[in-house]
Amino acid sequence: MTKLSADLSGKVALVTGAASGLGREIALEMARSGAAVGIADLNADGANAVAAQIRELGGRATGVLMDVTSEEAVNAGVDAIVEEFGALDILVSNAGIQIVSPIVDFSYSDWRKMQAIHVDGAFLTTKAALRHMYKDNRGGVVIYMGSVHSHLASPLKSAYVSAKHALLGLSRTLAKEGAAHNVRSHVVCPGFVRTPLVDKQIPEQARELRMSEEDVIRNVMLGGTVDGVFTTVEDIAQMTLFLAAFPTAALTGQSFVVSHGWFMQ
């Protein structure tokens, strides 16, 4: 695919959930565009491996162990990145999981886990990042990883849909509050991306919906697209890079669906 040309030289980015999947590709794309990147993840070995890969390519990166549901861990991780690189200009709140179940069977502990990672994690990383972005009105960009499910619902995904809807509210509020400090916010809303998270859903949905895995892919995941094609990690990384590099607040508070037409606003 054609790569977006963007210059993030002199910028410092933090990407959560960046040891694999979407987060990894976003971190690599930010580094290719000149940013120093903090790779945050519960998988410390994975985070360090991605950071090492970036350094081997001539970029600047560091791996950080971070549990986004822990305020102490988030604050320590953000502070470590700022100490390493001197600032924080871009936060990509990407860490997330999926648990699929009908509401009637959804355990409260799983519900709370989903909200803690997706919503509390977004809040805690935002709050920690703003301490540095607000300083002297330096400014910055906060990008939340939403979903098409930030705008619509699907069966079996009550906790995920609720959490992804919440990110719209957080982003819009930050857009209003952050403007005075030159901070803007966005939500990127992917369709189905063939990551380990989605691969895990295929047999789960096949079981719950009583259909074959092939039918889940063809009818549930890709049936609404215009071309029968999964959204790619590269698609999402390119959109994230575009928003990180956009020069004004013209797009602040907005969400951007990237879904091959699966959902259209």
C-alpha atoms as a PDB file:
ATOM      1  CA  MET A   1       0.000   0.000   0.000  1.00  0.00           C
ATOM      2  CA  THR A   2       1.071   3.621  -0.515  1.00  0.00           C
ATOM      3  CA  LYS A   3       2.559   5.021   2.660  1.00  0.00           C
ATOM      4  CA  LEU A   4       1.566   8.401   4.055  1.00  0.00           C
ATOM      5  CA  SER A   5       4.379  10.923   4.181  1.00  0.00           C
ATOM      6  CA  ALA A   6       4.425  12.597   7.594  1.00  0.00           C
ATOM      7  CA  ASP A   7       7.174  14.182   9.633  1.00  0.00           C
ATOM      8  CA  LEU A   8       7.130  13.520  13.364  1.00  0.00           C
ATOM      9  CA  SER A   9      10.771  14.444  13.878  1.00  0.00           C
ATOM     10  CA  GLY A  10      11.327  15.823  17.355  1.00  0.00           C
ATOM     11  CA  LYS A  11       8.057  14.348  18.641  1.00  0.00           C
ATOM     12  CA  VAL A  12       7.717  11.763  21.396  1.00  0.00           C
ATOM     13  CA  ALA A  13       4.930   9.176  21.215  1.00  0.00           C
ATOM     14  CA  LEU A  14       3.595   6.633  23.690  1.00  0.00           C
ATOM     15  CA  VAL A  15       1.639   3.670  22.335  1.00  0.00           C
ATOM     16  CA  THR A  16      -0.065   1.300  24.780  1.00  0.00           C
ATOM     17  CA  GLY A  17      -0.664  -2.343  23.935  1.00  0.00           C
ATOM     18  CA  ALA A  18       2.230  -1.990  21.496  1.00  0.00           C
ATOM     19  CA  ALA A  19       3.946  -5.367  21.852  1.00  0.00           C
ATOM     20  CA  SER A  20       1.805  -6.851  19.068  1.00  0.00           C
ATOM     21  CA  GLY A  21      -1.046  -6.277  16.637  1.00  0.00           C
ATOM     22  CA  LEU A  22      -2.295  -2.774  15.954  1.00  0.00           C
ATOM     23  CA  GLY A  23      -0.158  -1.163  18.617  1.00  0.00           C
ATOM     24  CA  ARG A  24       3.038  -2.630  17.230  1.00  0.00           C
ATOM     25  CA  GLU A  25       2.323  -1.427  13.691  1.00  0.00           C
ATOM     26  CA  ILE A  26       1.353   2.039  14.941  1.00  0.00           C
ATOM     27  CA  ALA A  27       4.568   2.272  16.952  1.00  0.00           C
ATOM     28  CA  LEU A  28       6.655   1.213  13.958  1.00  0.00           C
ATOM     29  CA  GLU A  29       4.895   3.741  11.713  1.00  0.00           C
ATOM     30  CA  MET A  30       5.468   6.548  14.227  1.00  0.00           C
ATOM     31  CA  ALA A  31       9.153   5.623  14.433  1.00  0.00           C
ATOM     32  CA  ARG A  32       9.496   5.525  10.635  1.00  0.00           C
ATOM     33  CA  SER A  33       8.131   9.062  10.597  1.00  0.00           C
ATOM     34  CA  GLY A  34      10.782  10.282  13.015  1.00  0.00           C
ATOM     35  CA  ALA A  35       9.158  10.080  16.449  1.00  0.00           C
ATOM     36  CA  ALA A  36      10.823   8.652  19.517  1.00  0.00           C
ATOM     37  CA  VAL A  37       8.438   5.965  20.756  1.00  0.00           C
ATOM     38  CA  GLY A  38       7.608   4.488  24.126  1.00  0.00           C
ATOM     39  CA  ILE A  39       6.370   0.915  23.678  1.00  0.00           C
ATOM     40  CA  ALA A  40       4.053   0.148  26.610  1.00  0.00           C
ATOM     41  CA  ASP A  41       2.580  -3.280  27.275  1.00  0.00           C
ATOM     42  CA  LEU A  42       1.913  -5.881  29.956  1.00  0.00           C
ATOM     43  CA  ASN A  43       4.226  -8.107  27.915  1.00  0.00           C
ATOM     44  CA  ALA A  44       7.542  -6.525  28.836  1.00  0.00           C
ATOM     45  CA  ASP A  45       9.579  -8.883  26.653  1.00  0.00           C
ATOM     46  CA  GLY A  46       7.381  -8.099  23.676  1.00  0.00           C
ATOM     47  CA  ALA A  47       7.592  -4.354  24.304  1.00  0.00           C
ATOM     48  CA  ASN A  48      11.368  -4.516  24.559  1.00  0.00           C
ATOM     49  CA  ALA A  49      11.548  -6.573  21.357  1.00  0.00           C
ATOM     50  CA  VAL A  50       9.578  -3.969  19.396  1.00  0.00           C
ATOM     51  CA  ALA A  51      11.736  -1.190  20.850  1.00  0.00           C
ATOM     52  CA  ALA A  52      14.870  -3.104  19.848  1.00  0.00           C
ATOM     53  CA  GLN A  53      13.510  -3.536  16.325  1.00  0.00           C
ATOM     54  CA  ILE A  54      12.971   0.217  16.033  1.00  0.00           C
ATOM     55  CA  ARG A  55      16.478   0.955  17.292  1.00  0.00           C
ATOM     56  CA  GLU A  56      17.933  -1.518  14.784  1.00  0.00           C
ATOM     57  CA  LEU A  57      16.198   0.475  12.038  1.00  0.00           C
ATOM     58  CA  GLY A  58      17.868   3.639  13.289  1.00  0.00           C
ATOM     59  CA  GLY A  59      15.011   4.996  15.368  1.00  0.00           C
ATOM     60  CA  ARG A  60      14.636   5.838  19.046  1.00  0.00           C
ATOM     61  CA  ALA A  61      12.445   3.675  21.266  1.00  0.00           C
ATOM     62  CA  THR A  62      12.168   2.217  24.724  1.00  0.00           C
ATOM     63  CA  GLY A  63      10.037  -0.578  26.131  1.00  0.00           C
ATOM     64  CA  VAL A  64       7.938   0.036  29.247  1.00  0.00           C
ATOM     65  CA  LEU A  65       6.053  -2.481  31.362  1.00  0.00           C
ATOM     66  CA  MET A  66       2.614  -0.971  31.898  1.00  0.00           C
ATOM     67  CA  ASP A  67      -0.651  -2.211  33.367  1.00  0.00           C
ATOM     68  CA  VAL A  68      -3.057   0.465  32.115  1.00  0.00           C
ATOM     69  CA  THR A  69      -5.537  -0.354  34.893  1.00  0.00           C
ATOM     70  CA  SER A  70      -3.018   0.700  37.573  1.00  0.00           C
ATOM     71  CA  GLU A  71      -2.657   4.447  38.184  1.00  0.00           C
ATOM     72  CA  GLU A  72       0.720   3.891  39.813  1.00  0.00           C
ATOM     73  CA  ALA A  73       2.012   1.819  36.874  1.00  0.00           C
ATOM     74  CA  VAL A  74       0.690   4.286  34.301  1.00  0.00           C
ATOM     75  CA  ASN A  75       2.215   7.300  36.036  1.00  0.00           C
ATOM     76  CA  ALA A  76       5.555   5.534  36.442  1.00  0.00           C
ATOM     77  CA  GLY A  77       5.604   4.415  32.807  1.00  0.00           C
ATOM     78  CA  VAL A  78       4.736   7.855  31.433  1.00  0.00           C
ATOM     79  CA  ASP A  79       7.311   9.519  33.664  1.00  0.00           C
ATOM     80  CA  ALA A  80       9.960   7.031  32.527  1.00  0.00           C
ATOM     81  CA  ILE A  81       9.303   7.857  28.876  1.00  0.00           C
ATOM     82  CA  VAL A  82       9.443  11.596  29.531  1.00  0.00           C
ATOM     83  CA  GLU A  83      12.686  11.152  31.474  1.00  0.00           C
ATOM     84  CA  GLU A  84      14.119   9.114  28.575  1.00  0.00           C
ATOM     85  CA  PHE A  85      13.087  11.427  25.730  1.00  0.00           C
ATOM     86  CA  GLY A  86      12.386  14.767  27.404  1.00  0.00           C
ATOM     87  CA  ALA A  87       8.701  15.222  26.524  1.00  0.00           C
ATOM     88  CA  LEU A  88       5.458  13.550  25.474  1.00  0.00           C
ATOM     89  CA  ASP A  89       3.627  14.817  22.398  1.00  0.00           C
ATOM     90  CA  ILE A  90       1.466  11.907  21.238  1.00  0.00           C
ATOM     91  CA  LEU A  91      -0.505   9.328  23.207  1.00  0.00           C
ATOM     92  CA  VAL A  92      -2.105   6.402  21.408  1.00  0.00           C
ATOM     93  CA  SER A  93      -4.391   4.637  23.882  1.00  0.00           C
ATOM     94  CA  ASN A  94      -4.609   1.244  22.213  1.00  0.00           C
ATOM     95  CA  ALA A  95      -4.484  -1.439  24.925  1.00  0.00           C
ATOM     96  CA  GLY A  96      -7.540  -3.675  24.826  1.00  0.00           C
ATOM     97  CA  ILE A  97      -8.977  -7.179  25.020  1.00  0.00           C
ATOM     98  CA  GLN A  98     -12.178  -8.877  23.905  1.00  0.00           C
ATOM     99  CA  ILE A  99     -14.557 -11.155  25.807  1.00  0.00           C
ATOM    100  CA  VAL A 100     -17.559 -12.489  23.893  1.00  0.00           C
ATOM    101  CA  SER A 101     -20.710 -13.645  25.687  1.00  0.00           C
ATOM    102  CA  PRO A 102     -24.470 -12.995  25.793  1.00  0.00           C
ATOM    103  CA  ILE A 103     -25.466 -10.401  28.396  1.00  0.00           C
ATOM    104  CA  VAL A 104     -27.417 -12.975  30.401  1.00  0.00           C
ATOM    105  CA  ASP A 105     -24.257 -15.064  30.817  1.00  0.00           C
ATOM    106  CA  PHE A 106     -21.714 -12.233  31.041  1.00  0.00           C
ATOM    107  CA  SER A 107     -19.928 -12.403  34.373  1.00  0.00           C
ATOM    108  CA  TYR A 108     -19.645  -9.169  36.310  1.00  0.00           C
ATOM    109  CA  SER A 109     -15.933  -9.774  36.829  1.00  0.00           C
ATOM    110  CA  ASP A 110     -15.411  -9.965  33.052  1.00  0.00           C
ATOM    111  CA  TRP A 111     -17.527  -6.833  32.581  1.00  0.00           C
ATOM    112  CA  ARG A 112     -15.401  -4.927  35.092  1.00  0.00           C
ATOM    113  CA  LYS A 113     -12.191  -6.223  33.498  1.00  0.00           C
ATOM    114  CA  MET A 114     -13.288  -4.943  30.088  1.00  0.00           C
ATOM    115  CA  GLN A 115     -14.173  -1.493  31.423  1.00  0.00           C
ATOM    116  CA  ALA A 116     -10.964  -1.313  33.442  1.00  0.00           C
ATOM    117  CA  ILE A 117      -8.707  -1.986  30.469  1.00  0.00           C
ATOM    118  CA  HIS A 118     -10.560  -0.011  27.798  1.00  0.00           C
ATOM    119  CA  VAL A 119     -12.079   2.908  29.725  1.00  0.00           C
ATOM    120  CA  ASP A 120     -10.066   3.233  32.934  1.00  0.00           C
ATOM    121  CA  GLY A 121      -6.884   2.619  30.942  1.00  0.00           C
ATOM    122  CA  ALA A 122      -7.754   5.391  28.501  1.00  0.00           C
ATOM    123  CA  PHE A 123      -8.559   7.764  31.352  1.00  0.00           C
ATOM    124  CA  LEU A 124      -5.430   6.992  33.379  1.00  0.00           C
ATOM    125  CA  THR A 125      -3.021   7.259  30.447  1.00  0.00           C
ATOM    126  CA  THR A 126      -4.704  10.474  29.308  1.00  0.00           C
ATOM    127  CA  LYS A 127      -4.473  12.035  32.757  1.00  0.00           C
ATOM    128  CA  ALA A 128      -0.806  11.092  33.061  1.00  0.00           C
ATOM    129  CA  ALA A 129       0.005  12.369  29.564  1.00  0.00           C
ATOM    130  CA  LEU A 130      -1.773  15.693  30.098  1.00  0.00           C
ATOM    131  CA  ARG A 131       0.490  16.588  33.008  1.00  0.00           C
ATOM    132  CA  HIS A 132       3.270  16.883  30.418  1.00  0.00           C
ATOM    133  CA  MET A 133       1.231  18.162  27.453  1.00  0.00           C
ATOM    134  CA  TYR A 134      -0.357  20.953  29.505  1.00  0.00           C
ATOM    135  CA  LYS A 135       2.985  22.161  30.864  1.00  0.00           C
ATOM    136  CA  ASP A 136       3.671  25.598  29.354  1.00  0.00           C
ATOM    137  CA  ASN A 137       0.823  24.817  26.920  1.00  0.00           C
ATOM    138  CA  ARG A 138       3.213  22.596  24.963  1.00  0.00           C
ATOM    139  CA  GLY A 139       0.238  20.737  23.515  1.00  0.00           C
ATOM    140  CA  GLY A 140      -0.115  17.292  22.046  1.00  0.00           C
ATOM    141  CA  VAL A 141      -2.396  14.737  20.472  1.00  0.00           C
ATOM    142  CA  VAL A 142      -4.337  11.948  22.198  1.00  0.00           C
ATOM    143  CA  ILE A 143      -5.651   9.209  19.927  1.00  0.00           C
ATOM    144  CA  TYR A 144      -7.990   6.552  21.292  1.00  0.00           C
ATOM    145  CA  MET A 145      -8.393   3.193  19.606  1.00  0.00           C
ATOM    146  CA  GLY A 146     -12.135   2.836  19.302  1.00  0.00           C
ATOM    147  CA  SER A 147     -14.011   0.550  16.935  1.00  0.00           C
ATOM    148  CA  VAL A 148     -16.943   0.486  14.571  1.00  0.00           C
ATOM    149  CA  HIS A 149     -18.561  -0.627  17.817  1.00  0.00           C
ATOM    150  CA  SER A 150     -18.042   2.899  19.122  1.00  0.00           C
ATOM    151  CA  HIS A 151     -21.018   3.709  16.882  1.00  0.00           C
ATOM    152  CA  LEU A 152     -23.115   0.557  16.692  1.00  0.00           C
ATOM    153  CA  ALA A 153     -23.764  -2.694  18.516  1.00  0.00           C
ATOM    154  CA  SER A 154     -23.345  -6.378  17.792  1.00  0.00           C
ATOM    155  CA  PRO A 155     -24.647  -9.383  19.707  1.00  0.00           C
ATOM    156  CA  LEU A 156     -22.360 -10.929  22.336  1.00  0.00           C
ATOM    157  CA  LYS A 157     -20.256  -7.775  22.785  1.00  0.00           C
ATOM    158  CA  SER A 158     -22.076  -5.736  25.437  1.00  0.00           C
ATOM    159  CA  ALA A 159     -18.968  -4.867  27.467  1.00  0.00           C
ATOM    160  CA  TYR A 160     -16.850  -4.069  24.421  1.00  0.00           C
ATOM    161  CA  VAL A 161     -19.548  -1.945  22.770  1.00  0.00           C
ATOM    162  CA  SER A 162     -20.162  -0.029  25.992  1.00  0.00           C
ATOM    163  CA  ALA A 163     -16.455   0.609  26.512  1.00  0.00           C
ATOM    164  CA  LYS A 164     -15.861   1.736  22.942  1.00  0.00           C
ATOM    165  CA  HIS A 165     -18.857   4.087  23.101  1.00  0.00           C
ATOM    166  CA  ALA A 166     -17.366   5.592  26.282  1.00  0.00           C
ATOM    167  CA  LEU A 167     -14.187   6.542  24.429  1.00  0.00           C
ATOM    168  CA  LEU A 168     -16.184   8.907  22.226  1.00  0.00           C
ATOM    169  CA  GLY A 169     -17.333  10.809  25.299  1.00  0.00           C
ATOM    170  CA  LEU A 170     -13.845  10.951  26.781  1.00  0.00           C
ATOM    171  CA  SER A 171     -12.336  12.175  23.522  1.00  0.00           C
ATOM    172  CA  ARG A 172     -14.978  14.839  22.980  1.00  0.00           C
ATOM    173  CA  THR A 173     -14.569  16.133  26.516  1.00  0.00           C
ATOM    174  CA  LEU A 174     -10.796  16.256  26.124  1.00  0.00           C
ATOM    175  CA  ALA A 175     -11.213  18.140  22.846  1.00  0.00           C
ATOM    176  CA  LYS A 176     -13.107  20.843  24.759  1.00  0.00           C
ATOM    177  CA  GLU A 177     -10.827  20.941  27.809  1.00  0.00           C
ATOM    178  CA  GLY A 178      -7.542  20.473  26.006  1.00  0.00           C
ATOM    179  CA  ALA A 179      -7.996  23.202  23.405  1.00  0.00           C
ATOM    180  CA  ALA A 180      -6.758  25.910  25.766  1.00  0.00           C
ATOM    181  CA  HIS A 181      -3.514  23.953  26.136  1.00  0.00           C
ATOM    182  CA  ASN A 182      -3.092  23.086  22.436  1.00  0.00           C
ATOM    183  CA  VAL A 183      -4.137  19.474  23.006  1.00  0.00           C
ATOM    184  CA  ARG A 184      -6.469  17.773  20.562  1.00  0.00           C
ATOM    185  CA  SER A 185      -8.065  14.342  20.604  1.00  0.00           C
ATOM    186  CA  HIS A 186      -9.411  11.785  18.143  1.00  0.00           C
ATOM    187  CA  VAL A 187     -10.896   8.298  18.048  1.00  0.00           C
ATOM    188  CA  VAL A 188      -9.864   5.826  15.344  1.00  0.00           C
ATOM    189  CA  CYS A 189     -12.608   3.264  14.751  1.00  0.00           C
ATOM    190  CA  PRO A 190     -11.387   0.138  12.935  1.00  0.00           C
ATOM    191  CA  GLY A 191     -13.597  -2.465  11.349  1.00  0.00           C
ATOM    192  CA  PHE A 192     -12.531  -6.082  11.682  1.00  0.00           C
ATOM    193  CA  VAL A 193      -8.738  -6.293  11.590  1.00  0.00           C
ATOM    194  CA  ARG A 194      -7.173  -9.749  11.326  1.00  0.00           C
ATOM    195  CA  THR A 195      -5.189  -9.621  14.554  1.00  0.00           C
ATOM    196  CA  PRO A 196      -4.868 -12.301  17.272  1.00  0.00           C
ATOM    197  CA  LEU A 197      -7.751 -10.539  19.067  1.00  0.00           C
ATOM    198  CA  VAL A 198     -10.053 -11.086  16.076  1.00  0.00           C
ATOM    199  CA  ASP A 199      -8.750 -14.607  15.383  1.00  0.00           C
ATOM    200  CA  LYS A 200      -9.763 -15.522  18.921  1.00  0.00           C
ATOM    201  CA  GLN A 201     -13.301 -14.238  18.295  1.00  0.00           C
ATOM    202  CA  ILE A 202     -13.931 -16.407  15.227  1.00  0.00           C
ATOM    203  CA  PRO A 203     -14.405 -19.766  17.025  1.00  0.00           C
ATOM    204  CA  GLU A 204     -16.115 -18.035  19.966  1.00  0.00           C
ATOM    205  CA  GLN A 205     -18.700 -16.413  17.713  1.00  0.00           C
ATOM    206  CA  ALA A 206     -19.097 -19.577  15.668  1.00  0.00           C
ATOM    207  CA  ARG A 207     -19.997 -21.427  18.853  1.00  0.00           C
ATOM    208  CA  GLU A 208     -22.366 -18.765  20.198  1.00  0.00           C
ATOM    209  CA  LEU A 209     -24.034 -18.080  16.832  1.00  0.00           C
ATOM    210  CA  ARG A 210     -24.101 -21.777  15.856  1.00  0.00           C
ATOM    211  CA  MET A 211     -22.500 -21.276  12.483  1.00  0.00           C
ATOM    212  CA  SER A 212     -19.246 -22.323  10.869  1.00  0.00           C
ATOM    213  CA  GLU A 213     -16.087 -20.272  11.301  1.00  0.00           C
ATOM    214  CA  GLU A 214     -16.111 -19.640   7.543  1.00  0.00           C
ATOM    215  CA  ASP A 215     -19.623 -18.163   7.828  1.00  0.00           C
ATOM    216  CA  VAL A 216     -18.535 -15.968  10.746  1.00  0.00           C
ATOM    217  CA  ILE A 217     -15.756 -14.524   8.593  1.00  0.00           C
ATOM    218  CA  ARG A 218     -17.822 -14.216   5.416  1.00  0.00           C
ATOM    219  CA  ASN A 219     -21.168 -13.063   6.836  1.00  0.00           C
ATOM    220  CA  VAL A 220     -20.476 -11.490  10.239  1.00  0.00           C
ATOM    221  CA  MET A 221     -17.050  -9.928   9.849  1.00  0.00           C
ATOM    222  CA  LEU A 222     -16.870  -9.130   6.141  1.00  0.00           C
ATOM    223  CA  GLY A 223     -20.475  -9.277   4.977  1.00  0.00           C
ATOM    224  CA  GLY A 224     -20.972  -5.542   5.306  1.00  0.00           C
ATOM    225  CA  THR A 225     -17.761  -4.451   3.586  1.00  0.00           C
ATOM    226  CA  VAL A 226     -17.750  -3.157   0.026  1.00  0.00           C
ATOM    227  CA  ASP A 227     -14.919  -5.444  -1.062  1.00  0.00           C
ATOM    228  CA  GLY A 228     -14.938  -8.473   1.267  1.00  0.00           C
ATOM    229  CA  VAL A 229     -11.562  -7.446   2.667  1.00  0.00           C
ATOM    230  CA  PHE A 230     -10.373  -7.214   6.263  1.00  0.00           C
ATOM    231  CA  THR A 231      -9.164  -3.833   7.441  1.00  0.00           C
ATOM    232  CA  THR A 232      -5.398  -4.123   7.908  1.00  0.00           C
ATOM    233  CA  VAL A 233      -3.051  -3.018  10.670  1.00  0.00           C
ATOM    234  CA  GLU A 234      -1.404  -0.833   8.038  1.00  0.00           C
ATOM    235  CA  ASP A 235      -4.728   0.901   7.330  1.00  0.00           C
ATOM    236  CA  ILE A 236      -5.102   1.779  10.998  1.00  0.00           C
ATOM    237  CA  ALA A 237      -1.470   2.817  11.447  1.00  0.00           C
ATOM    238  CA  GLN A 238      -1.743   5.163   8.477  1.00  0.00           C
ATOM    239  CA  MET A 239      -4.890   6.818   9.842  1.00  0.00           C
ATOM    240  CA  THR A 240      -3.286   7.187  13.264  1.00  0.00           C
ATOM    241  CA  LEU A 241      -0.182   8.732  11.720  1.00  0.00           C
ATOM    242  CA  PHE A 242      -2.320  11.150   9.698  1.00  0.00           C
ATOM    243  CA  LEU A 243      -4.102  12.371  12.840  1.00  0.00           C
ATOM    244  CA  ALA A 244      -0.884  12.591  14.863  1.00  0.00           C
ATOM    245  CA  ALA A 245       0.697  14.792  12.193  1.00  0.00           C
ATOM    246  CA  PHE A 246      -2.351  16.914  11.337  1.00  0.00           C
ATOM    247  CA  PRO A 247      -1.309  20.548  11.939  1.00  0.00           C
ATOM    248  CA  THR A 248      -4.459  22.130  13.422  1.00  0.00           C
ATOM    249  CA  ALA A 249      -7.427  21.475  15.701  1.00  0.00           C
ATOM    250  CA  ALA A 250      -9.825  21.309  12.758  1.00  0.00           C
ATOM    251  CA  LEU A 251     -10.469  17.596  13.368  1.00  0.00           C
ATOM    252  CA  THR A 252     -10.358  17.535  17.158  1.00  0.00           C
ATOM    253  CA  GLY A 253     -13.083  15.581  18.931  1.00  0.00           C
ATOM    254  CA  GLN A 254     -13.938  13.613  15.799  1.00  0.00           C
ATOM    255  CA  SER A 255     -13.975   9.856  15.238  1.00  0.00           C
ATOM    256  CA  PHE A 256     -12.734   8.231  12.043  1.00  0.00           C
ATOM    257  CA  VAL A 257     -14.114   4.900  10.853  1.00  0.00           C
ATOM    258  CA  VAL A 258     -11.710   2.685   8.908  1.00  0.00           C
ATOM    259  CA  SER A 259     -13.730  -0.356   7.863  1.00  0.00           C
ATOM    260  CA  HIS A 260     -13.826  -0.900   4.077  1.00  0.00           C
ATOM    261  CA  GLY A 261     -17.389   0.363   4.166  1.00  0.00           C
ATOM    262  CA  TRP A 262     -18.553  -2.061   6.884  1.00  0.00           C
ATOM    263  CA  PHE A 263     -19.919   0.944   8.742  1.00  0.00           C
ATOM    264  CA  MET A 264     -20.396   4.433   7.295  1.00  0.00           C
ATOM    265  CA  GLN A 265     -21.099   7.541   9.380  1.00  0.00           C
END
